[in-house]
Amino acid sequence: MITELRNFTVRSWNFVFNHNVSPLRHIPDVAVRHYVLQILGLMWAVSFSVALGSYTVLAASILGHTVLIAAAAVTVATYTVAAKRPDLFVRSSGRRSDGEHD
């Protein structure tokens, strides 16, 4: 089992990175083979970097949007309560409004 896994890994590695084994072997000029392999390597490095970066930024973006949506919800709830039950915002500090007397 371990030997099969090792052989599979070696064959896969060679298929991708060995220019004598990969389909790049059909390009007659070795320098061009190398150049194409370098371009492919750069492309994959940039692709993984962009993907990882977007996943990382996605978490921050989701958190930021959640905070904004929550702030909007609290504002709507506050306005609704102020319109329907304004007495909830009156402090019972002993002060009286102009119309209240003993």
PDB file of N, CA and C in Angstrom:
ATOM      1  N   MET A   1       0.825  -1.194   0.000  1.00  0.00           N
ATOM      2  CA  MET A   1       0.000   0.000   0.000  1.00  0.00           C
ATOM      3  C   MET A   1       0.868   1.256   0.000  1.00  0.00           C
ATOM      4  N   ILE A   2       1.848   1.316   0.888  1.00  0.00           N
ATOM      5  CA  ILE A   2       2.738   2.477   0.974  1.00  0.00           C
ATOM      6  C   ILE A   2       3.552   2.603  -0.310  1.00  0.00           C
ATOM      7  N   THR A   3       4.014   1.478  -0.833  1.00  0.00           N
ATOM      8  CA  THR A   3       4.805   1.499  -2.070  1.00  0.00           C
ATOM      9  C   THR A   3       3.970   1.994  -3.240  1.00  0.00           C
ATOM     10  N   GLU A   4       2.710   1.576  -3.301  1.00  0.00           N
ATOM     11  CA  GLU A   4       1.829   2.035  -4.378  1.00  0.00           C
ATOM     12  C   GLU A   4       1.593   3.533  -4.278  1.00  0.00           C
ATOM     13  N   LEU A   5       1.388   4.018  -3.069  1.00  0.00           N
ATOM     14  CA  LEU A   5       1.182   5.446  -2.859  1.00  0.00           C
ATOM     15  C   LEU A   5       2.434   6.232  -3.229  1.00  0.00           C
ATOM     16  N   ARG A   6       3.591   5.698  -2.858  1.00  0.00           N
ATOM     17  CA  ARG A   6       4.860   6.361  -3.204  1.00  0.00           C
ATOM     18  C   ARG A   6       5.041   6.405  -4.710  1.00  0.00           C
ATOM     19  N   ASN A   7       4.785   5.289  -5.383  1.00  0.00           N
ATOM     20  CA  ASN A   7       4.924   5.248  -6.848  1.00  0.00           C
ATOM     21  C   ASN A   7       3.948   6.208  -7.524  1.00  0.00           C
ATOM     22  N   PHE A   8       2.720   6.266  -7.030  1.00  0.00           N
ATOM     23  CA  PHE A   8       1.738   7.191  -7.590  1.00  0.00           C
ATOM     24  C   PHE A   8       2.209   8.639  -7.438  1.00  0.00           C
ATOM     25  N   THR A   9       2.750   8.951  -6.251  1.00  0.00           N
ATOM     26  CA  THR A   9       3.237  10.308  -6.000  1.00  0.00           C
ATOM     27  C   THR A   9       4.393  10.654  -6.923  1.00  0.00           C
ATOM     28  N   VAL A  10       5.326   9.738  -7.083  1.00  0.00           N
ATOM     29  CA  VAL A  10       6.489   9.978  -7.954  1.00  0.00           C
ATOM     30  C   VAL A  10       6.042  10.135  -9.406  1.00  0.00           C
ATOM     31  N   ARG A  11       5.145   9.268  -9.868  1.00  0.00           N
ATOM     32  CA  ARG A  11       4.649   9.376 -11.251  1.00  0.00           C
ATOM     33  C   ARG A  11       3.910  10.689 -11.474  1.00  0.00           C
ATOM     34  N   SER A  12       3.104  11.086 -10.496  1.00  0.00           N
ATOM     35  CA  SER A  12       2.362  12.346 -10.625  1.00  0.00           C
ATOM     36  C   SER A  12       3.318  13.532 -10.653  1.00  0.00           C
ATOM     37  N   TRP A  13       4.294  13.514  -9.771  1.00  0.00           N
ATOM     38  CA  TRP A  13       5.282  14.594  -9.736  1.00  0.00           C
ATOM     39  C   TRP A  13       6.019  14.685 -11.066  1.00  0.00           C
ATOM     40  N   ASN A  14       6.478  13.568 -11.557  1.00  0.00           N
ATOM     41  CA  ASN A  14       7.205  13.561 -12.829  1.00  0.00           C
ATOM     42  C   ASN A  14       6.319  14.012 -13.983  1.00  0.00           C
ATOM     43  N   PHE A  15       5.057  13.612 -13.981  1.00  0.00           N
ATOM     44  CA  PHE A  15       4.166  14.003 -15.070  1.00  0.00           C
ATOM     45  C   PHE A  15       4.008  15.519 -15.127  1.00  0.00           C
ATOM     46  N   VAL A  16       4.007  16.161 -13.967  1.00  0.00           N
ATOM     47  CA  VAL A  16       3.826  17.609 -13.940  1.00  0.00           C
ATOM     48  C   VAL A  16       5.152  18.345 -14.106  1.00  0.00           C
ATOM     49  N   PHE A  17       6.205  17.904 -13.410  1.00  0.00           N
ATOM     50  CA  PHE A  17       7.426  18.698 -13.321  1.00  0.00           C
ATOM     51  C   PHE A  17       8.611  18.209 -14.151  1.00  0.00           C
ATOM     52  N   ASN A  18       8.575  17.028 -14.694  1.00  0.00           N
ATOM     53  CA  ASN A  18       9.687  16.528 -15.498  1.00  0.00           C
ATOM     54  C   ASN A  18       9.357  16.741 -16.974  1.00  0.00           C
ATOM     55  N   HIS A  19      10.116  17.616 -17.625  1.00  0.00           N
ATOM     56  CA  HIS A  19       9.806  17.963 -19.011  1.00  0.00           C
ATOM     57  C   HIS A  19      10.043  16.797 -19.980  1.00  0.00           C
ATOM     58  N   ASN A  20      10.745  15.759 -19.540  1.00  0.00           N
ATOM     59  CA  ASN A  20      10.935  14.584 -20.391  1.00  0.00           C
ATOM     60  C   ASN A  20       9.774  13.596 -20.278  1.00  0.00           C
ATOM     61  N   VAL A  21       8.924  13.743 -19.258  1.00  0.00           N
ATOM     62  CA  VAL A  21       7.803  12.837 -19.034  1.00  0.00           C
ATOM     63  C   VAL A  21       6.469  13.513 -19.359  1.00  0.00           C
ATOM     64  N   SER A  22       6.358  14.788 -19.054  1.00  0.00           N
ATOM     65  CA  SER A  22       5.093  15.506 -19.241  1.00  0.00           C
ATOM     66  C   SER A  22       4.791  15.693 -20.731  1.00  0.00           C
ATOM     67  N   PRO A  23       3.591  16.105 -21.049  1.00  0.00           N
ATOM     68  CA  PRO A  23       3.261  16.383 -22.452  1.00  0.00           C
ATOM     69  C   PRO A  23       4.125  17.480 -23.076  1.00  0.00           C
ATOM     70  N   LEU A  24       4.830  18.223 -22.246  1.00  0.00           N
ATOM     71  CA  LEU A  24       5.757  19.226 -22.799  1.00  0.00           C
ATOM     72  C   LEU A  24       6.909  18.577 -23.559  1.00  0.00           C
ATOM     73  N   ARG A  25       7.114  17.288 -23.388  1.00  0.00           N
ATOM     74  CA  ARG A  25       8.205  16.589 -24.088  1.00  0.00           C
ATOM     75  C   ARG A  25       8.048  16.679 -25.608  1.00  0.00           C
ATOM     76  N   HIS A  26       6.849  16.990 -26.082  1.00  0.00           N
ATOM     77  CA  HIS A  26       6.607  17.091 -27.523  1.00  0.00           C
ATOM     78  C   HIS A  26       7.092  18.409 -28.105  1.00  0.00           C
ATOM     79  N   ILE A  27       7.418  19.373 -27.250  1.00  0.00           N
ATOM     80  CA  ILE A  27       8.005  20.631 -27.736  1.00  0.00           C
ATOM     81  C   ILE A  27       9.476  20.362 -27.994  1.00  0.00           C
ATOM     82  N   PRO A  28       9.935  20.566 -29.232  1.00  0.00           N
ATOM     83  CA  PRO A  28      11.312  20.164 -29.564  1.00  0.00           C
ATOM     84  C   PRO A  28      12.408  20.988 -28.867  1.00  0.00           C
ATOM     85  N   ASP A  29      12.195  22.264 -28.630  1.00  0.00           N
ATOM     86  CA  ASP A  29      13.226  23.116 -28.033  1.00  0.00           C
ATOM     87  C   ASP A  29      13.130  23.037 -26.506  1.00  0.00           C
ATOM     88  N   VAL A  30      14.228  22.582 -25.862  1.00  0.00           N
ATOM     89  CA  VAL A  30      14.255  22.420 -24.407  1.00  0.00           C
ATOM     90  C   VAL A  30      14.088  23.765 -23.701  1.00  0.00           C
ATOM     91  N   ALA A  31      14.640  24.824 -24.246  1.00  0.00           N
ATOM     92  CA  ALA A  31      14.512  26.143 -23.632  1.00  0.00           C
ATOM     93  C   ALA A  31      13.045  26.594 -23.626  1.00  0.00           C
ATOM     94  N   VAL A  32      12.341  26.327 -24.711  1.00  0.00           N
ATOM     95  CA  VAL A  32      10.931  26.694 -24.775  1.00  0.00           C
ATOM     96  C   VAL A  32      10.123  25.836 -23.798  1.00  0.00           C
ATOM     97  N   ARG A  33      10.472  24.568 -23.676  1.00  0.00           N
ATOM     98  CA  ARG A  33       9.818  23.693 -22.685  1.00  0.00           C
ATOM     99  C   ARG A  33       9.959  24.287 -21.288  1.00  0.00           C
ATOM    100  N   HIS A  34      11.186  24.679 -20.973  1.00  0.00           N
ATOM    101  CA  HIS A  34      11.465  25.249 -19.663  1.00  0.00           C
ATOM    102  C   HIS A  34      10.661  26.534 -19.461  1.00  0.00           C
ATOM    103  N   TYR A  35      10.631  27.378 -20.480  1.00  0.00           N
ATOM    104  CA  TYR A  35       9.901  28.638 -20.409  1.00  0.00           C
ATOM    105  C   TYR A  35       8.409  28.386 -20.167  1.00  0.00           C
ATOM    106  N   VAL A  36       7.829  27.443 -20.903  1.00  0.00           N
ATOM    107  CA  VAL A  36       6.406  27.131 -20.744  1.00  0.00           C
ATOM    108  C   VAL A  36       6.145  26.598 -19.341  1.00  0.00           C
ATOM    109  N   LEU A  37       7.020  25.731 -18.843  1.00  0.00           N
ATOM    110  CA  LEU A  37       6.854  25.194 -17.492  1.00  0.00           C
ATOM    111  C   LEU A  37       6.948  26.311 -16.447  1.00  0.00           C
ATOM    112  N   GLN A  38       7.846  27.262 -16.656  1.00  0.00           N
ATOM    113  CA  GLN A  38       7.961  28.402 -15.735  1.00  0.00           C
ATOM    114  C   GLN A  38       6.698  29.259 -15.752  1.00  0.00           C
ATOM    115  N   ILE A  39       6.156  29.491 -16.936  1.00  0.00           N
ATOM    116  CA  ILE A  39       4.928  30.289 -17.052  1.00  0.00           C
ATOM    117  C   ILE A  39       3.769  29.570 -16.359  1.00  0.00           C
ATOM    118  N   LEU A  40       3.664  28.257 -16.565  1.00  0.00           N
ATOM    119  CA  LEU A  40       2.612  27.484 -15.897  1.00  0.00           C
ATOM    120  C   LEU A  40       2.773  27.529 -14.375  1.00  0.00           C
ATOM    121  N   GLY A  41       4.011  27.420 -13.918  1.00  0.00           N
ATOM    122  CA  GLY A  41       4.272  27.500 -12.480  1.00  0.00           C
ATOM    123  C   GLY A  41       3.879  28.850 -11.910  1.00  0.00           C
ATOM    124  N   LEU A  42       4.214  29.917 -12.619  1.00  0.00           N
ATOM    125  CA  LEU A  42       3.837  31.261 -12.184  1.00  0.00           C
ATOM    126  C   LEU A  42       2.321  31.408 -12.162  1.00  0.00           C
ATOM    127  N   MET A  43       1.670  30.894 -13.202  1.00  0.00           N
ATOM    128  CA  MET A  43       0.215  30.979 -13.267  1.00  0.00           C
ATOM    129  C   MET A  43      -0.429  30.295 -12.062  1.00  0.00           C
ATOM    130  N   TRP A  44       0.056  29.091 -11.709  1.00  0.00           N
ATOM    131  CA  TRP A  44      -0.521  28.370 -10.579  1.00  0.00           C
ATOM    132  C   TRP A  44      -0.215  29.062  -9.254  1.00  0.00           C
ATOM    133  N   ALA A  45       0.963  29.624  -9.118  1.00  0.00           N
ATOM    134  CA  ALA A  45       1.305  30.336  -7.891  1.00  0.00           C
ATOM    135  C   ALA A  45       0.397  31.550  -7.699  1.00  0.00           C
ATOM    136  N   VAL A  46       0.183  32.302  -8.773  1.00  0.00           N
ATOM    137  CA  VAL A  46      -0.695  33.473  -8.694  1.00  0.00           C
ATOM    138  C   VAL A  46      -2.132  33.033  -8.429  1.00  0.00           C
ATOM    139  N   SER A  47      -2.559  31.967  -9.085  1.00  0.00           N
ATOM    140  CA  SER A  47      -3.927  31.473  -8.892  1.00  0.00           C
ATOM    141  C   SER A  47      -4.176  31.086  -7.441  1.00  0.00           C
ATOM    142  N   PHE A  48      -3.264  30.342  -6.849  1.00  0.00           N
ATOM    143  CA  PHE A  48      -3.433  29.945  -5.454  1.00  0.00           C
ATOM    144  C   PHE A  48      -3.347  31.152  -4.522  1.00  0.00           C
ATOM    145  N   SER A  49      -2.478  32.100  -4.828  1.00  0.00           N
ATOM    146  CA  SER A  49      -2.371  33.300  -3.992  1.00  0.00           C
ATOM    147  C   SER A  49      -3.655  34.113  -4.029  1.00  0.00           C
ATOM    148  N   VAL A  50      -4.204  34.293  -5.221  1.00  0.00           N
ATOM    149  CA  VAL A  50      -5.458  35.045  -5.346  1.00  0.00           C
ATOM    150  C   VAL A  50      -6.589  34.312  -4.630  1.00  0.00           C
ATOM    151  N   ALA A  51      -6.656  33.004  -4.807  1.00  0.00           N
ATOM    152  CA  ALA A  51      -7.713  32.220  -4.147  1.00  0.00           C
ATOM    153  C   ALA A  51      -7.587  32.318  -2.639  1.00  0.00           C
ATOM    154  N   LEU A  52      -6.397  32.112  -2.110  1.00  0.00           N
ATOM    155  CA  LEU A  52      -6.202  32.176  -0.667  1.00  0.00           C
ATOM    156  C   LEU A  52      -6.472  33.580  -0.150  1.00  0.00           C
ATOM    157  N   GLY A  53      -6.020  34.582  -0.873  1.00  0.00           N
ATOM    158  CA  GLY A  53      -6.274  35.962  -0.473  1.00  0.00           C
ATOM    159  C   GLY A  53      -7.748  36.304  -0.464  1.00  0.00           C
ATOM    160  N   SER A  54      -8.470  35.825  -1.478  1.00  0.00           N
ATOM    161  CA  SER A  54      -9.899  36.134  -1.517  1.00  0.00           C
ATOM    162  C   SER A  54     -10.641  35.395  -0.412  1.00  0.00           C
ATOM    163  N   TYR A  55     -10.196  34.182  -0.057  1.00  0.00           N
ATOM    164  CA  TYR A  55     -10.828  33.474   1.051  1.00  0.00           C
ATOM    165  C   TYR A  55     -10.579  34.216   2.358  1.00  0.00           C
ATOM    166  N   THR A  56      -9.381  34.735   2.536  1.00  0.00           N
ATOM    167  CA  THR A  56      -9.041  35.467   3.749  1.00  0.00           C
ATOM    168  C   THR A  56      -9.821  36.777   3.822  1.00  0.00           C
ATOM    169  N   VAL A  57      -9.855  37.506   2.725  1.00  0.00           N
ATOM    170  CA  VAL A  57     -10.572  38.778   2.693  1.00  0.00           C
ATOM    171  C   VAL A  57     -12.075  38.533   2.781  1.00  0.00           C
ATOM    172  N   LEU A  58     -12.524  37.394   2.263  1.00  0.00           N
ATOM    173  CA  LEU A  58     -13.944  37.071   2.323  1.00  0.00           C
ATOM    174  C   LEU A  58     -14.428  37.029   3.765  1.00  0.00           C
ATOM    175  N   ALA A  59     -13.640  36.441   4.650  1.00  0.00           N
ATOM    176  CA  ALA A  59     -14.027  36.368   6.059  1.00  0.00           C
ATOM    177  C   ALA A  59     -14.171  37.775   6.650  1.00  0.00           C
ATOM    178  N   ALA A  60     -13.234  38.653   6.364  1.00  0.00           N
ATOM    179  CA  ALA A  60     -13.304  40.031   6.866  1.00  0.00           C
ATOM    180  C   ALA A  60     -14.488  40.760   6.239  1.00  0.00           C
ATOM    181  N   SER A  61     -14.747  40.507   4.971  1.00  0.00           N
ATOM    182  CA  SER A  61     -15.865  41.142   4.289  1.00  0.00           C
ATOM    183  C   SER A  61     -17.198  40.684   4.876  1.00  0.00           C
ATOM    184  N   ILE A  62     -17.313  39.389   5.137  1.00  0.00           N
ATOM    185  CA  ILE A  62     -18.540  38.868   5.744  1.00  0.00           C
ATOM    186  C   ILE A  62     -18.747  39.490   7.123  1.00  0.00           C
ATOM    187  N   LEU A  63     -17.692  39.572   7.913  1.00  0.00           N
ATOM    188  CA  LEU A  63     -17.786  40.174   9.241  1.00  0.00           C
ATOM    189  C   LEU A  63     -18.199  41.644   9.143  1.00  0.00           C
ATOM    190  N   GLY A  64     -17.590  42.378   8.240  1.00  0.00           N
ATOM    191  CA  GLY A  64     -17.929  43.790   8.067  1.00  0.00           C
ATOM    192  C   GLY A  64     -19.373  43.989   7.635  1.00  0.00           C
ATOM    193  N   HIS A  65     -19.817  43.171   6.688  1.00  0.00           N
ATOM    194  CA  HIS A  65     -21.198  43.283   6.234  1.00  0.00           C
ATOM    195  C   HIS A  65     -22.184  42.895   7.347  1.00  0.00           C
ATOM    196  N   THR A  66     -21.823  41.911   8.141  1.00  0.00           N
ATOM    197  CA  THR A  66     -22.681  41.511   9.264  1.00  0.00           C
ATOM    198  C   THR A  66     -22.839  42.658  10.254  1.00  0.00           C
ATOM    199  N   VAL A  67     -21.749  43.359  10.533  1.00  0.00           N
ATOM    200  CA  VAL A  67     -21.808  44.505  11.451  1.00  0.00           C
ATOM    201  C   VAL A  67     -22.693  45.608  10.867  1.00  0.00           C
ATOM    202  N   LEU A  68     -22.558  45.889   9.577  1.00  0.00           N
ATOM    203  CA  LEU A  68     -23.386  46.924   8.952  1.00  0.00           C
ATOM    204  C   LEU A  68     -24.861  46.549   8.959  1.00  0.00           C
ATOM    205  N   ILE A  69     -25.169  45.296   8.650  1.00  0.00           N
ATOM    206  CA  ILE A  69     -26.564  44.845   8.656  1.00  0.00           C
ATOM    207  C   ILE A  69     -27.132  44.900  10.074  1.00  0.00           C
ATOM    208  N   ALA A  70     -26.330  44.501  11.051  1.00  0.00           N
ATOM    209  CA  ALA A  70     -26.781  44.564  12.443  1.00  0.00           C
ATOM    210  C   ALA A  70     -27.040  46.006  12.862  1.00  0.00           C
ATOM    211  N   ALA A  71     -26.175  46.932  12.459  1.00  0.00           N
ATOM    212  CA  ALA A  71     -26.377  48.342  12.792  1.00  0.00           C
ATOM    213  C   ALA A  71     -27.658  48.865  12.154  1.00  0.00           C
ATOM    214  N   ALA A  72     -27.930  48.480  10.930  1.00  0.00           N
ATOM    215  CA  ALA A  72     -29.175  48.893  10.276  1.00  0.00           C
ATOM    216  C   ALA A  72     -30.378  48.305  11.000  1.00  0.00           C
ATOM    217  N   ALA A  73     -30.292  47.052  11.418  1.00  0.00           N
ATOM    218  CA  ALA A  73     -31.400  46.411  12.136  1.00  0.00           C
ATOM    219  C   ALA A  73     -31.660  47.098  13.471  1.00  0.00           C
ATOM    220  N   VAL A  74     -30.611  47.443  14.202  1.00  0.00           N
ATOM    221  CA  VAL A  74     -30.775  48.140  15.484  1.00  0.00           C
ATOM    222  C   VAL A  74     -31.403  49.513  15.254  1.00  0.00           C
ATOM    223  N   THR A  75     -31.000  50.207  14.209  1.00  0.00           N
ATOM    224  CA  THR A  75     -31.570  51.520  13.904  1.00  0.00           C
ATOM    225  C   THR A  75     -33.058  51.411  13.583  1.00  0.00           C
ATOM    226  N   VAL A  76     -33.430  50.457  12.742  1.00  0.00           N
ATOM    227  CA  VAL A  76     -34.841  50.258  12.400  1.00  0.00           C
ATOM    228  C   VAL A  76     -35.646  49.898  13.648  1.00  0.00           C
ATOM    229  N   ALA A  77     -35.108  49.016  14.475  1.00  0.00           N
ATOM    230  CA  ALA A  77     -35.804  48.628  15.702  1.00  0.00           C
ATOM    231  C   ALA A  77     -35.975  49.821  16.634  1.00  0.00           C
ATOM    232  N   THR A  78     -34.954  50.651  16.757  1.00  0.00           N
ATOM    233  CA  THR A  78     -35.030  51.831  17.616  1.00  0.00           C
ATOM    234  C   THR A  78     -36.077  52.809  17.101  1.00  0.00           C
ATOM    235  N   TYR A  79     -36.102  53.071  15.802  1.00  0.00           N
ATOM    236  CA  TYR A  79     -37.092  53.983  15.225  1.00  0.00           C
ATOM    237  C   TYR A  79     -38.510  53.438  15.407  1.00  0.00           C
ATOM    238  N   THR A  80     -38.671  52.130  15.236  1.00  0.00           N
ATOM    239  CA  THR A  80     -39.991  51.517  15.379  1.00  0.00           C
ATOM    240  C   THR A  80     -40.486  51.639  16.816  1.00  0.00           C
ATOM    241  N   VAL A  81     -39.633  51.340  17.782  1.00  0.00           N
ATOM    242  CA  VAL A  81     -40.016  51.451  19.187  1.00  0.00           C
ATOM    243  C   VAL A  81     -40.279  52.910  19.552  1.00  0.00           C
ATOM    244  N   ALA A  82     -39.483  53.833  19.035  1.00  0.00           N
ATOM    245  CA  ALA A  82     -39.684  55.259  19.336  1.00  0.00           C
ATOM    246  C   ALA A  82     -41.023  55.736  18.802  1.00  0.00           C
ATOM    247  N   ALA A  83     -41.466  55.208  17.671  1.00  0.00           N
ATOM    248  CA  ALA A  83     -42.748  55.619  17.094  1.00  0.00           C
ATOM    249  C   ALA A  83     -43.924  54.998  17.838  1.00  0.00           C
ATOM    250  N   LYS A  84     -43.788  53.745  18.271  1.00  0.00           N
ATOM    251  CA  LYS A  84     -44.906  53.035  18.881  1.00  0.00           C
ATOM    252  C   LYS A  84     -44.945  53.156  20.403  1.00  0.00           C
ATOM    253  N   ARG A  85     -43.807  53.206  21.047  1.00  0.00           N
ATOM    254  CA  ARG A  85     -43.759  53.263  22.517  1.00  0.00           C
ATOM    255  C   ARG A  85     -42.693  54.243  22.978  1.00  0.00           C
ATOM    256  N   PRO A  86     -42.927  55.515  22.773  1.00  0.00           N
ATOM    257  CA  PRO A  86     -41.907  56.510  23.151  1.00  0.00           C
ATOM    258  C   PRO A  86     -41.652  56.574  24.649  1.00  0.00           C
ATOM    259  N   ASP A  87     -42.582  56.063  25.446  1.00  0.00           N
ATOM    260  CA  ASP A  87     -42.403  56.094  26.893  1.00  0.00           C
ATOM    261  C   ASP A  87     -41.236  55.224  27.348  1.00  0.00           C
ATOM    262  N   LEU A  88     -40.807  54.293  26.543  1.00  0.00           N
ATOM    263  CA  LEU A  88     -39.640  53.462  26.902  1.00  0.00           C
ATOM    264  C   LEU A  88     -38.354  54.275  26.984  1.00  0.00           C
ATOM    265  N   PHE A  89     -38.359  55.436  26.334  1.00  0.00           N
ATOM    266  CA  PHE A  89     -37.157  56.255  26.309  1.00  0.00           C
ATOM    267  C   PHE A  89     -37.165  57.332  27.401  1.00  0.00           C
ATOM    268  N   VAL A  90     -38.218  57.377  28.212  1.00  0.00           N
ATOM    269  CA  VAL A  90     -38.309  58.356  29.290  1.00  0.00           C
ATOM    270  C   VAL A  90     -37.633  57.773  30.517  1.00  0.00           C
ATOM    271  N   ARG A  91     -36.701  58.521  31.048  1.00  0.00           N
ATOM    272  CA  ARG A  91     -35.993  58.080  32.241  1.00  0.00           C
ATOM    273  C   ARG A  91     -36.823  58.403  33.461  1.00  0.00           C
ATOM    274  N   SER A  92     -36.798  57.537  34.410  1.00  0.00           N
ATOM    275  CA  SER A  92     -37.512  57.807  35.658  1.00  0.00           C
ATOM    276  C   SER A  92     -36.537  58.380  36.677  1.00  0.00           C
ATOM    277  N   SER A  93     -36.033  59.558  36.376  1.00  0.00           N
ATOM    278  CA  SER A  93     -35.042  60.186  37.255  1.00  0.00           C
ATOM    279  C   SER A  93     -35.685  61.141  38.247  1.00  0.00           C
ATOM    280  N   GLY A  94     -37.003  61.163  38.305  1.00  0.00           N
ATOM    281  CA  GLY A  94     -37.663  62.062  39.223  1.00  0.00           C
ATOM    282  C   GLY A  94     -38.055  63.369  38.571  1.00  0.00           C
ATOM    283  N   ARG A  95     -37.593  63.618  37.377  1.00  0.00           N
ATOM    284  CA  ARG A  95     -37.999  64.834  36.678  1.00  0.00           C
ATOM    285  C   ARG A  95     -39.402  64.638  36.125  1.00  0.00           C
ATOM    286  N   ARG A  96     -40.105  65.730  36.052  1.00  0.00           N
ATOM    287  CA  ARG A  96     -41.469  65.670  35.520  1.00  0.00           C
ATOM    288  C   ARG A  96     -41.542  66.520  34.268  1.00  0.00           C
ATOM    289  N   SER A  97     -42.432  66.117  33.410  1.00  0.00           N
ATOM    290  CA  SER A  97     -42.629  66.965  32.233  1.00  0.00           C
ATOM    291  C   SER A  97     -43.480  68.158  32.637  1.00  0.00           C
ATOM    292  N   ASP A  98     -43.652  69.104  31.730  1.00  0.00           N
ATOM    293  CA  ASP A  98     -44.376  70.346  32.048  1.00  0.00           C
ATOM    294  C   ASP A  98     -45.818  70.101  32.465  1.00  0.00           C
ATOM    295  N   GLY A  99     -46.466  69.053  31.992  1.00  0.00           N
ATOM    296  CA  GLY A  99     -47.852  68.824  32.283  1.00  0.00           C
ATOM    297  C   GLY A  99     -48.091  68.053  33.556  1.00  0.00           C
ATOM    298  N   GLU A 100     -47.080  67.562  34.239  1.00  0.00           N
ATOM    299  CA  GLU A 100     -47.265  66.727  35.431  1.00  0.00           C
ATOM    300  C   GLU A 100     -46.997  67.549  36.681  1.00  0.00           C
ATOM    301  N   HIS A 101     -47.966  67.561  37.605  1.00  0.00           N
ATOM    302  CA  HIS A 101     -47.815  68.233  38.911  1.00  0.00           C
ATOM    303  C   HIS A 101     -48.446  67.358  39.963  1.00  0.00           C
ATOM    304  N   ASP A 102     -47.996  67.537  41.243  1.00  0.00           N
ATOM    305  CA  ASP A 102     -48.583  66.800  42.357  1.00  0.00           C
ATOM    306  C   ASP A 102     -49.914  67.315  42.719  1.00  0.00           C
TER     307      ASP A 102
END
